[in-house]
Amino acid sequence: MIPYILHRDAEAELGEALDYYEQKRPGLARAFRLEFEAALERVRQNPLGYAEEDESGIRFCPLRRFPYTLVYLNLENHVWVAAVAHQHRRPGYWARRQPE
């Protein structure tokens, strides 16, 4: 399985989503975490499995149960996750993020 790197803002977004779901209903954050990890595993096992969205090579892997998407690039030696983006808020806000 290919390694991955989360952009620091993507890590923060993941934390915010976990906090939100835990406040909404105890235990829901755990379900979100498991869904996030399953999506990340799908991407790591088959990084070319999702179509490129534009000429930058960015790809989207939607979570199945929650309205979030992993926004990522398949780079030479790893997958770089640019965002853990809510599907109904601020489209494209992550576009200026660059691999570190």
N, C-alpha and C. Protein backbone atom coordinates (compact mmCIF):
# COMPACT_ATOMS: atom_id res chain seq x y z
N MET A 1 0.85 -1.17 0.00
CA MET A 1 0.00 0.00 0.00
C MET A 1 0.90 1.24 0.00
N ILE A 2 0.54 2.21 -0.80
CA ILE A 2 1.32 3.43 -0.93
C ILE A 2 1.18 4.30 0.33
N PRO A 3 2.27 4.94 0.79
CA PRO A 3 2.16 5.81 1.96
C PRO A 3 1.37 7.08 1.64
N TYR A 4 1.01 7.80 2.68
CA TYR A 4 0.25 9.04 2.49
C TYR A 4 0.77 10.12 3.41
N ILE A 5 0.47 11.36 3.04
CA ILE A 5 0.76 12.53 3.86
C ILE A 5 -0.49 13.39 3.86
N LEU A 6 -0.91 13.81 5.05
CA LEU A 6 -2.02 14.75 5.17
C LEU A 6 -1.47 16.16 5.28
N HIS A 7 -1.98 17.07 4.47
CA HIS A 7 -1.64 18.48 4.62
C HIS A 7 -2.06 18.89 6.03
N ARG A 8 -1.33 19.80 6.64
CA ARG A 8 -1.63 20.19 8.02
C ARG A 8 -3.06 20.73 8.16
N ASP A 9 -3.57 21.42 7.13
CA ASP A 9 -4.94 21.92 7.19
C ASP A 9 -5.95 20.77 7.05
N ALA A 10 -5.59 19.72 6.31
CA ALA A 10 -6.46 18.55 6.20
C ALA A 10 -6.54 17.85 7.56
N GLU A 11 -5.42 17.80 8.28
CA GLU A 11 -5.43 17.23 9.63
C GLU A 11 -6.37 18.02 10.53
N ALA A 12 -6.32 19.34 10.42
CA ALA A 12 -7.20 20.20 11.23
C ALA A 12 -8.66 19.97 10.85
N GLU A 13 -8.93 19.83 9.56
CA GLU A 13 -10.31 19.58 9.10
C GLU A 13 -10.83 18.25 9.64
N LEU A 14 -9.98 17.24 9.64
CA LEU A 14 -10.36 15.95 10.19
C LEU A 14 -10.70 16.10 11.67
N GLY A 15 -9.87 16.80 12.42
CA GLY A 15 -10.13 17.03 13.84
C GLY A 15 -11.43 17.78 14.08
N GLU A 16 -11.69 18.80 13.27
CA GLU A 16 -12.92 19.57 13.41
C GLU A 16 -14.15 18.70 13.14
N ALA A 17 -14.07 17.86 12.12
CA ALA A 17 -15.19 16.98 11.81
C ALA A 17 -15.41 15.97 12.94
N LEU A 18 -14.34 15.43 13.47
CA LEU A 18 -14.46 14.49 14.59
C LEU A 18 -15.11 15.17 15.80
N ASP A 19 -14.67 16.39 16.10
CA ASP A 19 -15.25 17.13 17.22
C ASP A 19 -16.74 17.38 16.99
N TYR A 20 -17.08 17.80 15.78
CA TYR A 20 -18.47 18.08 15.45
C TYR A 20 -19.35 16.84 15.63
N TYR A 21 -18.92 15.72 15.08
CA TYR A 21 -19.73 14.51 15.16
C TYR A 21 -19.81 13.95 16.58
N GLU A 22 -18.76 14.14 17.37
CA GLU A 22 -18.82 13.67 18.75
C GLU A 22 -19.81 14.52 19.56
N GLN A 23 -19.88 15.80 19.27
CA GLN A 23 -20.85 16.67 19.95
C GLN A 23 -22.27 16.38 19.50
N LYS A 24 -22.41 16.02 18.24
CA LYS A 24 -23.73 15.74 17.70
C LYS A 24 -24.34 14.50 18.35
N ARG A 25 -23.53 13.44 18.47
CA ARG A 25 -23.99 12.21 19.12
C ARG A 25 -22.76 11.41 19.56
N PRO A 26 -22.69 11.07 20.84
CA PRO A 26 -21.55 10.28 21.30
C PRO A 26 -21.38 9.01 20.46
N GLY A 27 -20.16 8.76 20.04
CA GLY A 27 -19.86 7.59 19.23
C GLY A 27 -19.88 7.85 17.73
N LEU A 28 -20.50 8.94 17.31
CA LEU A 28 -20.57 9.23 15.88
C LEU A 28 -19.20 9.61 15.32
N ALA A 29 -18.38 10.21 16.15
CA ALA A 29 -17.02 10.54 15.71
C ALA A 29 -16.24 9.27 15.36
N ARG A 30 -16.45 8.23 16.13
CA ARG A 30 -15.77 6.96 15.85
C ARG A 30 -16.21 6.42 14.49
N ALA A 31 -17.50 6.52 14.20
CA ALA A 31 -18.00 6.07 12.90
C ALA A 31 -17.40 6.91 11.78
N PHE A 32 -17.27 8.21 12.00
CA PHE A 32 -16.64 9.08 10.99
C PHE A 32 -15.19 8.69 10.79
N ARG A 33 -14.47 8.46 11.88
CA ARG A 33 -13.05 8.08 11.80
C ARG A 33 -12.90 6.79 10.99
N LEU A 34 -13.75 5.81 11.26
CA LEU A 34 -13.68 4.54 10.53
C LEU A 34 -13.97 4.75 9.04
N GLU A 35 -14.92 5.60 8.72
CA GLU A 35 -15.24 5.88 7.32
C GLU A 35 -14.10 6.62 6.64
N PHE A 36 -13.49 7.58 7.34
CA PHE A 36 -12.33 8.29 6.82
C PHE A 36 -11.20 7.30 6.54
N GLU A 37 -10.92 6.42 7.48
CA GLU A 37 -9.85 5.45 7.32
C GLU A 37 -10.13 4.49 6.17
N ALA A 38 -11.39 4.11 5.98
CA ALA A 38 -11.75 3.22 4.87
C ALA A 38 -11.52 3.93 3.53
N ALA A 39 -11.90 5.20 3.44
CA ALA A 39 -11.68 5.96 2.21
C ALA A 39 -10.19 6.11 1.94
N LEU A 40 -9.43 6.42 2.98
CA LEU A 40 -7.98 6.56 2.82
C LEU A 40 -7.36 5.25 2.37
N GLU A 41 -7.82 4.15 2.90
CA GLU A 41 -7.31 2.84 2.48
C GLU A 41 -7.63 2.57 1.00
N ARG A 42 -8.86 2.92 0.57
CA ARG A 42 -9.21 2.75 -0.86
C ARG A 42 -8.25 3.54 -1.74
N VAL A 43 -7.97 4.76 -1.33
CA VAL A 43 -7.07 5.62 -2.11
C VAL A 43 -5.66 5.04 -2.11
N ARG A 44 -5.18 4.59 -0.97
CA ARG A 44 -3.83 4.05 -0.88
C ARG A 44 -3.67 2.75 -1.65
N GLN A 45 -4.71 1.95 -1.70
CA GLN A 45 -4.64 0.69 -2.44
C GLN A 45 -4.72 0.91 -3.95
N ASN A 46 -5.46 1.92 -4.36
CA ASN A 46 -5.65 2.19 -5.78
C ASN A 46 -5.73 3.69 -6.01
N PRO A 47 -4.60 4.40 -5.95
CA PRO A 47 -4.62 5.85 -6.05
C PRO A 47 -5.12 6.37 -7.40
N LEU A 48 -5.10 5.54 -8.42
CA LEU A 48 -5.60 5.97 -9.73
C LEU A 48 -7.07 5.58 -9.93
N GLY A 49 -7.69 5.07 -8.88
CA GLY A 49 -9.07 4.59 -8.97
C GLY A 49 -10.12 5.67 -9.10
N TYR A 50 -9.76 6.91 -8.84
CA TYR A 50 -10.68 8.03 -8.98
C TYR A 50 -10.15 8.95 -10.07
N ALA A 51 -11.04 9.46 -10.87
CA ALA A 51 -10.65 10.26 -12.03
C ALA A 51 -10.01 11.58 -11.62
N GLU A 52 -9.07 12.04 -12.45
CA GLU A 52 -8.51 13.37 -12.26
C GLU A 52 -9.61 14.38 -12.56
N GLU A 53 -9.73 15.37 -11.70
CA GLU A 53 -10.77 16.38 -11.85
C GLU A 53 -10.36 17.51 -12.78
N ASP A 54 -9.06 17.76 -12.88
CA ASP A 54 -8.57 18.83 -13.75
C ASP A 54 -7.12 18.56 -14.11
N GLU A 55 -6.50 19.52 -14.78
CA GLU A 55 -5.12 19.33 -15.24
C GLU A 55 -4.11 19.28 -14.11
N SER A 56 -4.50 19.68 -12.90
CA SER A 56 -3.57 19.63 -11.76
C SER A 56 -3.36 18.20 -11.26
N GLY A 57 -4.25 17.28 -11.66
CA GLY A 57 -4.15 15.90 -11.21
C GLY A 57 -4.92 15.62 -9.93
N ILE A 58 -5.62 16.60 -9.42
CA ILE A 58 -6.38 16.42 -8.18
C ILE A 58 -7.47 15.38 -8.38
N ARG A 59 -7.70 14.58 -7.35
CA ARG A 59 -8.72 13.53 -7.40
C ARG A 59 -9.60 13.64 -6.15
N PHE A 60 -10.83 13.16 -6.26
CA PHE A 60 -11.78 13.20 -5.15
C PHE A 60 -12.23 11.79 -4.80
N CYS A 61 -12.15 11.46 -3.52
CA CYS A 61 -12.67 10.20 -3.01
C CYS A 61 -13.73 10.51 -1.97
N PRO A 62 -15.01 10.35 -2.31
CA PRO A 62 -16.06 10.67 -1.34
C PRO A 62 -16.16 9.61 -0.25
N LEU A 63 -16.45 10.06 0.96
CA LEU A 63 -16.79 9.13 2.02
C LEU A 63 -18.18 8.61 1.73
N ARG A 64 -18.49 7.43 2.16
CA ARG A 64 -19.77 6.82 1.80
C ARG A 64 -20.91 7.25 2.71
N ARG A 65 -20.67 7.38 3.98
CA ARG A 65 -21.75 7.65 4.92
C ARG A 65 -21.87 9.12 5.31
N PHE A 66 -20.81 9.86 5.18
CA PHE A 66 -20.76 11.25 5.62
C PHE A 66 -20.52 12.16 4.42
N PRO A 67 -20.98 13.43 4.49
CA PRO A 67 -20.84 14.33 3.34
C PRO A 67 -19.45 14.97 3.26
N TYR A 68 -18.43 14.15 3.19
CA TYR A 68 -17.05 14.62 3.09
C TYR A 68 -16.35 13.91 1.95
N THR A 69 -15.31 14.56 1.46
CA THR A 69 -14.51 14.03 0.36
C THR A 69 -13.04 14.18 0.69
N LEU A 70 -12.25 13.15 0.40
CA LEU A 70 -10.80 13.29 0.46
C LEU A 70 -10.35 13.87 -0.87
N VAL A 71 -9.68 14.99 -0.81
CA VAL A 71 -9.14 15.65 -1.99
C VAL A 71 -7.66 15.31 -1.99
N TYR A 72 -7.18 14.65 -3.05
CA TYR A 72 -5.80 14.17 -3.01
C TYR A 72 -5.11 14.21 -4.37
N LEU A 73 -3.79 14.12 -4.29
CA LEU A 73 -2.93 13.97 -5.47
C LEU A 73 -2.17 12.67 -5.35
N ASN A 74 -2.05 11.96 -6.45
CA ASN A 74 -1.21 10.78 -6.49
C ASN A 74 0.17 11.23 -6.95
N LEU A 75 1.11 11.27 -6.02
CA LEU A 75 2.47 11.71 -6.34
C LEU A 75 3.36 10.48 -6.55
N GLU A 76 4.59 10.72 -6.89
CA GLU A 76 5.49 9.62 -7.25
C GLU A 76 5.64 8.57 -6.16
N ASN A 77 5.84 9.01 -4.93
CA ASN A 77 6.12 8.06 -3.84
C ASN A 77 5.05 7.98 -2.77
N HIS A 78 4.00 8.78 -2.90
CA HIS A 78 2.97 8.79 -1.87
C HIS A 78 1.70 9.48 -2.38
N VAL A 79 0.66 9.36 -1.59
CA VAL A 79 -0.58 10.08 -1.84
C VAL A 79 -0.56 11.28 -0.91
N TRP A 80 -0.83 12.45 -1.45
CA TRP A 80 -0.89 13.67 -0.66
C TRP A 80 -2.35 14.11 -0.54
N VAL A 81 -2.86 14.13 0.69
CA VAL A 81 -4.24 14.53 0.93
C VAL A 81 -4.27 16.02 1.22
N ALA A 82 -4.87 16.76 0.30
CA ALA A 82 -4.94 18.22 0.41
C ALA A 82 -6.02 18.66 1.37
N ALA A 83 -7.13 17.92 1.42
CA ALA A 83 -8.26 18.36 2.24
C ALA A 83 -9.16 17.19 2.62
N VAL A 84 -9.80 17.36 3.75
CA VAL A 84 -10.93 16.53 4.16
C VAL A 84 -12.10 17.50 4.08
N ALA A 85 -12.68 17.60 2.89
CA ALA A 85 -13.59 18.68 2.55
C ALA A 85 -15.06 18.29 2.70
N HIS A 86 -15.82 19.16 3.35
CA HIS A 86 -17.27 18.98 3.41
C HIS A 86 -17.82 19.23 2.01
N GLN A 87 -18.72 18.40 1.57
CA GLN A 87 -19.21 18.46 0.19
C GLN A 87 -20.15 19.62 -0.09
N HIS A 88 -20.66 20.27 0.96
CA HIS A 88 -21.64 21.33 0.74
C HIS A 88 -21.18 22.69 1.25
N ARG A 89 -19.89 22.83 1.48
CA ARG A 89 -19.35 24.10 1.98
C ARG A 89 -18.14 24.52 1.16
N ARG A 90 -18.07 25.75 0.84
CA ARG A 90 -16.91 26.41 0.21
C ARG A 90 -16.19 25.56 -0.84
N PRO A 91 -16.81 25.25 -1.94
CA PRO A 91 -16.14 24.43 -2.96
C PRO A 91 -14.81 25.06 -3.40
N GLY A 92 -13.80 24.22 -3.51
CA GLY A 92 -12.51 24.64 -4.04
C GLY A 92 -11.65 25.47 -3.10
N TYR A 93 -12.04 25.63 -1.84
CA TYR A 93 -11.26 26.45 -0.91
C TYR A 93 -9.84 25.95 -0.73
N TRP A 94 -9.60 24.69 -0.98
CA TRP A 94 -8.31 24.03 -0.76
C TRP A 94 -7.38 24.16 -1.96
N ALA A 95 -7.82 24.78 -3.05
CA ALA A 95 -7.10 24.77 -4.32
C ALA A 95 -5.69 25.36 -4.26
N ARG A 96 -5.42 26.24 -3.34
CA ARG A 96 -4.09 26.85 -3.26
C ARG A 96 -3.10 26.05 -2.42
N ARG A 97 -3.57 25.00 -1.81
CA ARG A 97 -2.67 24.17 -1.00
C ARG A 97 -1.70 23.42 -1.89
N GLN A 98 -0.48 23.32 -1.43
CA GLN A 98 0.57 22.65 -2.18
C GLN A 98 1.19 21.55 -1.32
N PRO A 99 1.67 20.48 -1.95
CA PRO A 99 2.39 19.45 -1.18
C PRO A 99 3.57 20.07 -0.46
N GLU A 100 3.79 19.62 0.75
CA GLU A 100 4.88 20.19 1.56
C GLU A 100 6.15 19.40 1.40
